[in-house]
Amino acid sequence: MAEEERNQEGQEQKGGGKKKLIFLLLLVVILGVAGGLAYKFLVLDKKKAAESQEKQAQKIIEEIKATENVGIMFDLGTFVVNLADRDIDRYLKVSIVLELKDQKVQQEAQKRLPEIKDAITTLLLTKKSSEIRTPEGIEFLKEEIAKRVNAILPLGGVKNVYFTDFIIQTG
């Protein structure tokens, strides 16, 4: 009888040891996962944030350098055109300045000034006020003007288009 009681106590202690071992393994796994998550959120995310800030700073530096290399400004004057709206007469008054690459492009633009003005006037006549009232529409119009002028100039060379006046009037 005494031996049976000892065997039962030994088995209970062995079973209790297994429970302790499982508990310890579970605790180690939980601590490992928690440590990994803490590392990710505290260390890796800070590194990503620092890298994104560095990229933004580099982008700003590049933009500043790009503005330092300003091209030659070529004033095309003011254009007043009827817009293509069918419901009511609307007029557009816009003053345009082209930023050109260099002196050669400026000389070529001066030679072809009537062609450039005609291309821009023709383009503006096709626009509706709803197309050019939004900032996106204005940017698209600038891109179209640059493409048309670059197509006229054999060397290309229009870097940017600026509107110094932009007025839409209802007649």
Protein backbone atom coordinates (compact mmCIF):
# COMPACT_ATOMS: atom_id res chain seq x y z
CA MET A 1 0.00 0.00 0.00
CA ALA A 2 2.72 2.40 0.85
CA GLU A 3 4.29 1.68 -2.50
CA GLU A 4 1.05 2.43 -4.33
CA GLU A 5 0.74 5.77 -2.59
CA ARG A 6 4.32 6.64 -3.51
CA ASN A 7 3.71 5.67 -7.14
CA GLN A 8 0.60 7.86 -7.23
CA GLU A 9 2.50 10.79 -5.68
CA GLY A 10 5.34 10.28 -8.17
CA GLN A 11 2.89 10.26 -11.07
CA GLU A 12 1.19 13.39 -9.75
CA GLN A 13 4.58 15.09 -9.44
CA LYS A 14 5.50 14.02 -12.98
CA GLY A 15 2.13 15.31 -14.26
CA GLY A 16 2.66 18.53 -12.32
CA GLY A 17 6.10 18.84 -13.91
CA LYS A 18 4.57 18.52 -17.38
CA LYS A 19 2.08 21.25 -16.55
CA LYS A 20 4.90 23.50 -15.34
CA LEU A 21 6.91 22.80 -18.50
CA ILE A 22 3.95 23.59 -20.77
CA PHE A 23 3.23 26.73 -18.78
CA LEU A 24 6.87 27.86 -19.06
CA LEU A 25 6.97 27.15 -22.82
CA LEU A 26 3.72 29.06 -23.30
CA LEU A 27 5.12 31.95 -21.25
CA VAL A 28 8.33 32.01 -23.35
CA VAL A 29 6.31 32.04 -26.60
CA ILE A 30 4.08 34.88 -25.36
CA LEU A 31 7.10 36.91 -24.22
CA GLY A 32 8.82 36.29 -27.56
CA VAL A 33 5.79 37.49 -29.53
CA ALA A 34 5.38 40.52 -27.28
CA GLY A 35 9.07 41.37 -27.64
CA GLY A 36 8.90 41.03 -31.42
CA LEU A 37 5.86 43.30 -31.62
CA ALA A 38 7.47 45.84 -29.33
CA TYR A 39 10.61 45.82 -31.51
CA LYS A 40 8.54 46.29 -34.65
CA PHE A 41 6.47 49.15 -33.30
CA LEU A 42 9.19 50.93 -31.35
CA VAL A 43 12.28 50.45 -33.51
CA LEU A 44 11.33 49.59 -37.09
CA ASP A 45 8.52 52.14 -37.37
CA LYS A 46 10.85 54.89 -36.12
CA LYS A 47 13.40 53.89 -38.76
CA LYS A 48 10.73 54.05 -41.48
CA ALA A 49 9.58 57.46 -40.25
CA ALA A 50 13.16 58.73 -40.23
CA GLU A 51 13.70 57.40 -43.77
CA SER A 52 10.51 59.05 -45.05
CA GLN A 53 11.52 62.37 -43.45
CA GLU A 54 14.93 62.06 -45.09
CA LYS A 55 13.29 61.42 -48.49
CA GLN A 56 11.02 64.45 -48.03
CA ALA A 57 14.00 66.62 -47.13
CA GLN A 58 15.85 65.39 -50.22
CA LYS A 59 12.82 66.15 -52.39
CA ILE A 60 12.61 69.70 -51.00
CA ILE A 61 16.32 70.21 -51.68
CA GLU A 62 15.84 69.05 -55.28
CA GLU A 63 12.89 71.43 -55.73
CA ILE A 64 14.97 74.32 -54.40
CA LYS A 65 17.79 73.46 -56.80
CA ALA A 66 15.29 73.28 -59.67
CA THR A 67 13.98 76.76 -58.86
CA GLU A 68 17.53 78.10 -58.73
CA ASN A 69 17.95 77.07 -62.38
CA VAL A 70 15.20 79.35 -63.64
CA GLY A 71 15.02 79.56 -67.40
CA ILE A 72 14.42 82.59 -69.56
CA MET A 73 10.99 84.16 -69.13
CA PHE A 74 9.24 84.90 -72.41
CA ASP A 75 6.07 87.02 -72.15
CA LEU A 76 3.44 86.12 -74.72
CA GLY A 77 1.09 88.87 -73.67
CA THR A 78 -2.64 88.73 -72.93
CA PHE A 79 -5.18 86.58 -74.73
CA VAL A 80 -8.91 87.36 -74.71
CA VAL A 81 -11.09 84.65 -76.26
CA ASN A 82 -14.66 83.40 -76.29
CA LEU A 83 -14.96 80.08 -74.51
CA ALA A 84 -16.79 77.13 -76.07
CA ASP A 85 -19.74 77.25 -73.63
CA ARG A 86 -23.05 76.88 -75.46
CA ASP A 87 -25.46 78.02 -72.74
CA ILE A 88 -24.09 81.55 -72.26
CA ASP A 89 -21.31 83.72 -73.61
CA ARG A 90 -18.18 83.44 -71.47
CA TYR A 91 -14.84 85.06 -72.07
CA LEU A 92 -11.37 84.15 -70.91
CA LYS A 93 -8.67 86.72 -70.33
CA VAL A 94 -5.30 85.14 -69.66
CA SER A 95 -1.75 86.48 -69.64
CA ILE A 96 0.86 83.84 -70.38
CA VAL A 97 4.59 83.73 -69.68
CA LEU A 98 6.70 80.82 -70.94
CA GLU A 99 9.81 79.63 -69.14
CA LEU A 100 12.30 78.64 -71.83
CA LYS A 101 15.46 76.57 -71.61
CA ASP A 102 17.99 78.97 -73.09
CA GLN A 103 18.73 81.85 -75.47
CA LYS A 104 18.50 79.70 -78.61
CA VAL A 105 14.96 78.66 -77.73
CA GLN A 106 14.07 82.28 -76.98
CA GLN A 107 15.35 83.42 -80.39
CA GLU A 108 13.40 80.65 -82.13
CA ALA A 109 10.25 81.52 -80.15
CA GLN A 110 10.64 85.17 -81.14
CA LYS A 111 10.83 84.15 -84.82
CA ARG A 112 7.75 81.96 -84.55
CA LEU A 113 5.71 84.20 -82.25
CA PRO A 114 2.67 84.47 -84.58
CA GLU A 115 2.49 80.65 -84.89
CA ILE A 116 2.74 80.24 -81.12
CA LYS A 117 0.03 82.82 -80.43
CA ASP A 118 -2.24 81.26 -83.04
CA ALA A 119 -1.81 77.77 -81.56
CA ILE A 120 -2.61 79.04 -78.07
CA THR A 121 -5.62 81.08 -79.22
CA THR A 122 -6.98 78.08 -81.12
CA LEU A 123 -6.53 75.88 -78.05
CA LEU A 124 -8.24 78.38 -75.73
CA LEU A 125 -11.23 78.70 -78.09
CA THR A 126 -11.95 74.97 -77.68
CA LYS A 127 -12.16 75.09 -73.87
CA LYS A 128 -15.32 75.30 -71.80
CA SER A 129 -15.36 77.23 -68.55
CA SER A 130 -16.18 74.06 -66.61
CA GLU A 131 -12.95 72.48 -67.87
CA ILE A 132 -10.67 75.30 -66.72
CA ARG A 133 -12.30 76.41 -63.46
CA THR A 134 -10.59 73.77 -61.33
CA PRO A 135 -6.90 73.71 -60.36
CA GLU A 136 -6.55 70.38 -62.17
CA GLY A 137 -8.08 71.90 -65.31
CA ILE A 138 -5.68 74.84 -65.18
CA GLU A 139 -2.68 72.52 -64.79
CA PHE A 140 -3.90 70.43 -67.73
CA LEU A 141 -4.26 73.59 -69.82
CA LYS A 142 -0.67 74.57 -68.97
CA GLU A 143 0.54 71.14 -70.09
CA GLU A 144 -1.40 71.42 -73.36
CA ILE A 145 0.07 74.86 -74.07
CA ALA A 146 3.60 73.58 -73.39
CA LYS A 147 3.06 70.61 -75.73
CA ARG A 148 1.71 72.80 -78.53
CA VAL A 149 4.51 75.34 -78.26
CA ASN A 150 7.16 72.60 -78.07
CA ALA A 151 5.67 71.09 -81.23
CA ILE A 152 6.13 74.43 -83.04
CA LEU A 153 9.70 75.03 -81.84
CA PRO A 154 12.20 72.72 -83.57
CA LEU A 155 14.31 72.48 -80.42
CA GLY A 156 11.41 72.25 -77.98
CA GLY A 157 12.55 73.96 -74.84
CA VAL A 158 9.46 75.11 -72.93
CA LYS A 159 10.14 74.24 -69.30
CA ASN A 160 6.99 75.70 -67.78
CA VAL A 161 3.92 77.82 -68.48
CA TYR A 162 2.78 80.55 -66.09
CA PHE A 163 -0.52 82.41 -66.01
CA THR A 164 -0.05 85.92 -64.64
CA ASP A 165 -3.75 86.75 -65.18
CA PHE A 166 -6.62 84.31 -65.43
CA ILE A 167 -10.14 85.72 -65.56
CA ILE A 168 -13.34 84.02 -66.73
CA GLN A 169 -16.13 86.51 -67.36
CA THR A 170 -19.79 85.92 -68.18
CA GLY A 171 -21.09 88.19 -70.91
